[in-house]
Protein backbone atom coordinates (compact mmCIF):
# COMPACT_ATOMS: atom_id res chain seq x y z
CA MET A 1 -15.49 43.03 53.59
CA SER A 2 -13.80 42.76 50.52
CA ALA A 3 -16.77 44.24 48.65
CA CYS A 4 -15.84 42.84 45.24
CA LEU A 5 -17.57 39.65 46.36
CA GLN A 6 -17.53 36.04 43.48
CA LEU A 7 -21.14 35.01 42.31
CA GLY A 8 -21.21 32.02 44.66
CA ASP A 9 -20.18 33.70 47.87
CA LEU A 10 -23.38 36.04 47.35
CA LEU A 11 -25.55 33.73 46.74
CA ALA A 12 -24.14 31.69 50.05
CA LEU A 13 -24.70 35.27 51.95
CA GLY A 14 -27.46 35.87 51.32
CA GLN A 15 -28.49 32.17 52.82
CA LYS A 16 -26.27 33.00 55.39
CA SER A 17 -27.26 36.24 56.88
CA SER A 18 -29.03 39.16 55.99
CA ALA A 19 -26.46 41.75 57.37
CA GLN A 20 -23.45 40.12 56.03
CA LEU A 21 -25.00 40.52 52.92
CA SER A 22 -25.73 43.91 53.66
CA ALA A 23 -23.53 45.47 54.70
CA TRP A 24 -21.98 43.49 51.09
CA LEU A 25 -23.77 45.31 49.30
CA ARG A 26 -23.74 49.33 51.20
CA ALA A 27 -20.29 48.29 50.85
CA SER A 28 -21.08 47.48 46.85
CA ASN A 29 -23.24 49.81 46.11
CA VAL A 30 -25.19 52.27 48.88
CA SER A 31 -27.73 53.68 45.77
CA LEU A 32 -28.69 50.03 45.38
CA SER A 33 -28.37 49.32 49.10
CA GLU A 34 -31.07 51.86 50.02
CA ARG A 35 -33.55 50.43 47.52
CA VAL A 36 -33.02 47.31 47.90
CA GLU A 37 -33.62 47.50 51.67
CA ARG A 38 -36.71 49.86 50.96
CA GLU A 39 -38.63 46.93 48.63
CA ALA A 40 -37.54 44.44 51.63
CA ALA A 41 -39.17 46.60 54.26
CA LEU A 42 -42.06 47.36 52.58
CA ARG A 43 -42.78 43.26 51.83
CA SER A 44 -41.68 42.88 55.53
CA GLU A 45 -38.63 40.37 54.96
CA THR A 46 -35.19 40.13 55.65
CA LEU A 47 -32.99 41.72 52.47
CA ALA A 48 -31.74 38.06 52.52
CA GLN A 49 -35.03 37.50 52.24
CA PHE A 50 -35.74 39.36 48.80
CA VAL A 51 -32.76 38.22 47.07
CA ARG A 52 -33.25 34.56 47.58
CA ILE A 53 -36.65 35.64 45.94
CA ALA A 54 -35.94 38.09 43.05
CA VAL A 55 -33.05 35.09 42.10
CA SER A 56 -35.73 32.43 42.39
CA ASP A 57 -38.22 34.64 40.48
CA PHE A 58 -35.02 35.42 38.83
CA LEU A 59 -34.23 31.28 37.73
CA ALA A 60 -37.64 30.07 37.17
CA GLU A 61 -39.53 33.06 35.21
CA ALA A 62 -36.22 34.59 33.00
CA ASP A 63 -36.70 34.47 29.47
CA GLU A 64 -33.28 34.34 26.86
CA GLU A 65 -33.62 37.92 26.59
CA ALA A 66 -33.40 38.59 30.96
CA TRP A 67 -30.68 36.16 30.75
CA ALA A 68 -28.59 37.69 28.19
CA SER A 69 -28.78 40.91 29.25
CA LEU A 70 -26.90 38.77 33.09
CA MET A 71 -24.54 37.24 31.32
CA SER A 72 -23.15 40.75 29.20
CA ALA A 73 -23.89 43.09 33.24
CA ILE A 74 -21.60 40.58 34.88
CA ARG A 75 -19.29 40.62 32.11
CA ASP A 76 -18.54 43.90 32.10
CA ALA A 77 -19.52 45.23 35.92
CA PRO A 78 -16.27 45.48 38.07
CA ASP A 79 -18.01 43.68 40.97
CA PRO A 80 -20.16 40.87 39.24
CA GLY A 81 -22.50 39.99 42.04
CA GLY A 82 -23.32 44.34 42.41
CA ALA A 83 -24.65 43.47 38.44
CA CYS A 84 -26.00 40.29 39.43
CA VAL A 85 -27.93 41.47 42.63
CA ALA A 86 -29.10 45.34 40.37
CA ARG A 87 -30.38 42.60 37.35
CA MET A 88 -32.13 39.67 39.38
CA ALA A 89 -33.53 42.98 41.96
CA ALA A 90 -34.60 45.08 38.60
CA PHE A 91 -36.60 41.72 37.51
CA ARG A 92 -38.19 41.01 40.94
CA LEU A 93 -39.63 44.72 41.02
CA GLN A 94 -40.62 44.39 37.06
CA ARG A 95 -42.84 41.47 37.49
CA GLU A 96 -44.56 42.70 40.24
CA GLY A 97 -45.01 46.10 38.87
CA ALA A 98 -43.31 47.89 40.98
CA GLN A 99 -40.90 49.58 38.54
């Protein structure tokens, strides 16, 4: 599996397969993968569930500043999918007070 996915591919993986999403994330960013997997386990969620909830939370609750930050991160990142997961996961963790 390629380490660099387009954003739509990443979101589709989150709907299909936690194992594939985990493999991609591990290849893309080991430290982010470990953190997200740890946070998912603390919540008794799969990696895919954690990411789906993070995306949903971001779509429902992010303000203009969070969106602008996400767009900048995606634009400037060598791996936009990884940047998206990182920002949305951080947003979820911040909203839950886990940061």
